[in-house]
Each structure stands twice: as C-alpha cells, then as structure tokens.
Amino acid sequence: MNEEARVELVKLANAKMPFGKYQGHFLIHLPEDYLVWFKQKGFPPGTLGRQLEQMLEIKINGLEKLIYPLIQK
C-alpha cells in the first residue's frame, strides 16, 4: 500500500458523521442498514459520500477489524 492510500485509510478510520442521528460517531460505528439506506437514497456529494460508500463496502466484506486499529482516540 502506498503512502497516499495509507493516509486516506487513516482518514476514513477517523472520520465522524457530521449530522443526523449518528452525529459525532465514527463512520465505522454506523449501522450497516444506515449505510445501505444512504446507498438507496444516494450518498451525499464529496468526501463524506465517498467515505460512507467505502465504509459500506468495508462492512459488507467483513473488514471492520482492519479499521479499528487505525482509530486515533
């Protein structure tokens, strides 16, 4: 994995939901059904939408354990 990809993965792991019911929660902690709802309705534009889409793929493929060590508390 190149440095740019690693940096993006760390950013994804530490991204938080900026609005709504799960405001302030790490994206990795969002329920999968909430992410599926976004997919059906349309992900928001920009970085957040891309991150939500990536997080859904991570959850669908059972790769959450790869994200948890990257969270910086």
N, C-alpha and C. Protein backbone atom coordinates (compact mmCIF):
# COMPACT_ATOMS: atom_id res chain seq x y z
N MET A 1 0.85 -1.17 0.00
CA MET A 1 0.00 0.00 0.00
C MET A 1 0.90 1.23 0.00
N ASN A 2 0.62 2.16 -0.90
CA ASN A 2 1.44 3.36 -0.95
C ASN A 2 1.04 4.33 0.16
N GLU A 3 1.87 5.33 0.37
CA GLU A 3 1.67 6.28 1.48
C GLU A 3 0.35 7.04 1.34
N GLU A 4 0.01 7.43 0.13
CA GLU A 4 -1.25 8.17 -0.08
C GLU A 4 -2.47 7.32 0.29
N ALA A 5 -2.46 6.06 -0.08
CA ALA A 5 -3.56 5.16 0.25
C ALA A 5 -3.64 4.94 1.76
N ARG A 6 -2.48 4.81 2.40
CA ARG A 6 -2.46 4.62 3.85
C ARG A 6 -3.04 5.83 4.57
N VAL A 7 -2.66 7.03 4.12
CA VAL A 7 -3.16 8.26 4.72
C VAL A 7 -4.68 8.34 4.56
N GLU A 8 -5.18 7.99 3.38
CA GLU A 8 -6.62 8.03 3.14
C GLU A 8 -7.36 7.02 4.01
N LEU A 9 -6.77 5.85 4.22
CA LEU A 9 -7.39 4.83 5.07
C LEU A 9 -7.46 5.31 6.52
N VAL A 10 -6.41 5.96 6.99
CA VAL A 10 -6.41 6.51 8.36
C VAL A 10 -7.48 7.61 8.47
N LYS A 11 -7.60 8.44 7.46
CA LYS A 11 -8.64 9.49 7.47
C LYS A 11 -10.02 8.85 7.52
N LEU A 12 -10.23 7.79 6.74
CA LEU A 12 -11.51 7.09 6.74
C LEU A 12 -11.80 6.51 8.12
N ALA A 13 -10.81 5.89 8.72
CA ALA A 13 -11.00 5.28 10.04
C ALA A 13 -11.37 6.31 11.10
N ASN A 14 -10.92 7.54 10.93
CA ASN A 14 -11.14 8.57 11.94
C ASN A 14 -12.24 9.57 11.57
N ALA A 15 -12.91 9.32 10.45
CA ALA A 15 -13.99 10.20 10.03
C ALA A 15 -15.21 10.00 10.92
N LYS A 16 -15.88 11.10 11.22
CA LYS A 16 -17.08 11.05 12.04
C LYS A 16 -18.27 11.61 11.25
N MET A 17 -19.44 11.13 11.61
CA MET A 17 -20.67 11.59 10.97
C MET A 17 -20.94 13.02 11.42
N PRO A 18 -21.08 13.96 10.48
CA PRO A 18 -21.22 15.36 10.85
C PRO A 18 -22.65 15.82 11.15
N PHE A 19 -23.64 14.95 10.92
CA PHE A 19 -25.02 15.39 11.12
C PHE A 19 -25.91 14.19 11.42
N GLY A 20 -27.14 14.49 11.79
CA GLY A 20 -28.17 13.46 11.96
C GLY A 20 -28.09 12.69 13.25
N LYS A 21 -28.81 11.60 13.25
CA LYS A 21 -28.96 10.73 14.43
C LYS A 21 -27.62 10.25 14.97
N TYR A 22 -26.65 10.03 14.10
CA TYR A 22 -25.35 9.50 14.50
C TYR A 22 -24.25 10.56 14.48
N GLN A 23 -24.63 11.81 14.60
CA GLN A 23 -23.65 12.90 14.60
C GLN A 23 -22.59 12.65 15.66
N GLY A 24 -21.32 12.80 15.25
CA GLY A 24 -20.20 12.61 16.17
C GLY A 24 -19.69 11.18 16.28
N HIS A 25 -20.41 10.22 15.71
CA HIS A 25 -19.98 8.82 15.75
C HIS A 25 -18.98 8.55 14.62
N PHE A 26 -17.99 7.72 14.91
CA PHE A 26 -17.08 7.28 13.85
C PHE A 26 -17.90 6.56 12.78
N LEU A 27 -17.53 6.75 11.52
CA LEU A 27 -18.27 6.09 10.43
C LEU A 27 -18.24 4.58 10.58
N ILE A 28 -17.16 4.02 11.11
CA ILE A 28 -17.07 2.58 11.30
C ILE A 28 -18.13 2.07 12.28
N HIS A 29 -18.62 2.95 13.15
CA HIS A 29 -19.63 2.55 14.14
C HIS A 29 -21.06 2.72 13.64
N LEU A 30 -21.25 3.24 12.42
CA LEU A 30 -22.59 3.38 11.88
C LEU A 30 -23.16 2.01 11.55
N PRO A 31 -24.45 1.80 11.82
CA PRO A 31 -25.05 0.51 11.46
C PRO A 31 -25.05 0.29 9.95
N GLU A 32 -24.86 -0.93 9.55
CA GLU A 32 -24.83 -1.25 8.12
C GLU A 32 -26.13 -0.87 7.43
N ASP A 33 -27.26 -1.06 8.11
CA ASP A 33 -28.54 -0.71 7.47
C ASP A 33 -28.66 0.79 7.22
N TYR A 34 -28.02 1.61 8.04
CA TYR A 34 -28.00 3.06 7.83
C TYR A 34 -27.19 3.39 6.57
N LEU A 35 -26.08 2.71 6.38
CA LEU A 35 -25.26 2.91 5.19
C LEU A 35 -25.98 2.41 3.94
N VAL A 36 -26.71 1.32 4.05
CA VAL A 36 -27.49 0.80 2.93
C VAL A 36 -28.58 1.80 2.57
N TRP A 37 -29.20 2.42 3.56
CA TRP A 37 -30.22 3.44 3.31
C TRP A 37 -29.62 4.59 2.50
N PHE A 38 -28.43 5.03 2.87
CA PHE A 38 -27.76 6.09 2.11
C PHE A 38 -27.52 5.64 0.67
N LYS A 39 -27.11 4.39 0.49
CA LYS A 39 -26.86 3.89 -0.86
C LYS A 39 -28.14 3.95 -1.69
N GLN A 40 -29.26 3.58 -1.09
CA GLN A 40 -30.54 3.59 -1.80
C GLN A 40 -31.00 5.02 -2.11
N LYS A 41 -30.79 5.93 -1.18
CA LYS A 41 -31.24 7.32 -1.35
C LYS A 41 -30.23 8.17 -2.12
N GLY A 42 -28.99 7.74 -2.11
CA GLY A 42 -27.92 8.49 -2.74
C GLY A 42 -26.98 9.05 -1.69
N PHE A 43 -25.72 8.71 -1.81
CA PHE A 43 -24.73 9.22 -0.87
C PHE A 43 -24.58 10.73 -1.06
N PRO A 44 -24.27 11.46 0.01
CA PRO A 44 -24.05 12.89 -0.15
C PRO A 44 -22.85 13.14 -1.06
N PRO A 45 -22.80 14.30 -1.68
CA PRO A 45 -21.67 14.59 -2.56
C PRO A 45 -20.37 14.79 -1.77
N GLY A 46 -19.27 14.67 -2.46
CA GLY A 46 -17.98 15.00 -1.86
C GLY A 46 -17.37 13.90 -1.03
N THR A 47 -16.48 14.33 -0.15
CA THR A 47 -15.68 13.40 0.67
C THR A 47 -16.56 12.52 1.55
N LEU A 48 -17.55 13.11 2.21
CA LEU A 48 -18.39 12.31 3.10
C LEU A 48 -19.09 11.19 2.34
N GLY A 49 -19.65 11.49 1.21
CA GLY A 49 -20.34 10.47 0.42
C GLY A 49 -19.40 9.35 0.02
N ARG A 50 -18.21 9.71 -0.40
CA ARG A 50 -17.21 8.70 -0.79
C ARG A 50 -16.83 7.85 0.42
N GLN A 51 -16.66 8.49 1.58
CA GLN A 51 -16.30 7.74 2.78
C GLN A 51 -17.43 6.82 3.23
N LEU A 52 -18.66 7.27 3.15
CA LEU A 52 -19.79 6.42 3.53
C LEU A 52 -19.89 5.21 2.60
N GLU A 53 -19.67 5.44 1.32
CA GLU A 53 -19.70 4.35 0.36
C GLU A 53 -18.58 3.35 0.63
N GLN A 54 -17.39 3.85 0.93
CA GLN A 54 -16.27 2.97 1.24
C GLN A 54 -16.53 2.18 2.52
N MET A 55 -17.12 2.84 3.51
CA MET A 55 -17.41 2.16 4.77
C MET A 55 -18.43 1.06 4.57
N LEU A 56 -19.42 1.29 3.72
CA LEU A 56 -20.39 0.24 3.43
C LEU A 56 -19.69 -0.97 2.81
N GLU A 57 -18.79 -0.75 1.88
CA GLU A 57 -18.05 -1.86 1.26
C GLU A 57 -17.21 -2.60 2.30
N ILE A 58 -16.60 -1.86 3.20
CA ILE A 58 -15.80 -2.48 4.27
C ILE A 58 -16.68 -3.38 5.13
N LYS A 59 -17.86 -2.87 5.51
CA LYS A 59 -18.77 -3.64 6.36
C LYS A 59 -19.34 -4.85 5.63
N ILE A 60 -19.74 -4.66 4.38
CA ILE A 60 -20.30 -5.77 3.59
C ILE A 60 -19.29 -6.91 3.48
N ASN A 61 -18.03 -6.56 3.36
CA ASN A 61 -16.98 -7.57 3.18
C ASN A 61 -16.34 -8.02 4.50
N GLY A 62 -16.89 -7.56 5.63
CA GLY A 62 -16.41 -8.02 6.93
C GLY A 62 -15.00 -7.59 7.27
N LEU A 63 -14.60 -6.40 6.82
CA LEU A 63 -13.23 -5.94 7.03
C LEU A 63 -13.09 -4.90 8.15
N GLU A 64 -14.09 -4.78 9.00
CA GLU A 64 -14.05 -3.77 10.06
C GLU A 64 -12.83 -3.90 10.95
N LYS A 65 -12.38 -5.12 11.19
CA LYS A 65 -11.24 -5.34 12.09
C LYS A 65 -9.97 -4.68 11.57
N LEU A 66 -9.91 -4.41 10.28
CA LEU A 66 -8.75 -3.71 9.71
C LEU A 66 -8.79 -2.21 10.02
N ILE A 67 -9.97 -1.69 10.28
CA ILE A 67 -10.15 -0.26 10.52
C ILE A 67 -9.92 0.10 11.99
N TYR A 68 -10.39 -0.72 12.90
CA TYR A 68 -10.32 -0.39 14.33
C TYR A 68 -8.93 0.01 14.82
N PRO A 69 -7.87 -0.67 14.43
CA PRO A 69 -6.54 -0.27 14.94
C PRO A 69 -6.08 1.11 14.44
N LEU A 70 -6.73 1.62 13.40
CA LEU A 70 -6.32 2.90 12.83
C LEU A 70 -7.00 4.10 13.50
N ILE A 71 -7.99 3.83 14.35
CA ILE A 71 -8.70 4.93 15.02
C ILE A 71 -7.78 5.57 16.04
N GLN A 72 -7.66 6.88 15.95
CA GLN A 72 -6.82 7.65 16.87
C GLN A 72 -7.73 8.34 17.88
N LYS A 73 -7.65 7.90 19.11
CA LYS A 73 -8.54 8.45 20.14
C LYS A 73 -7.92 9.59 20.87
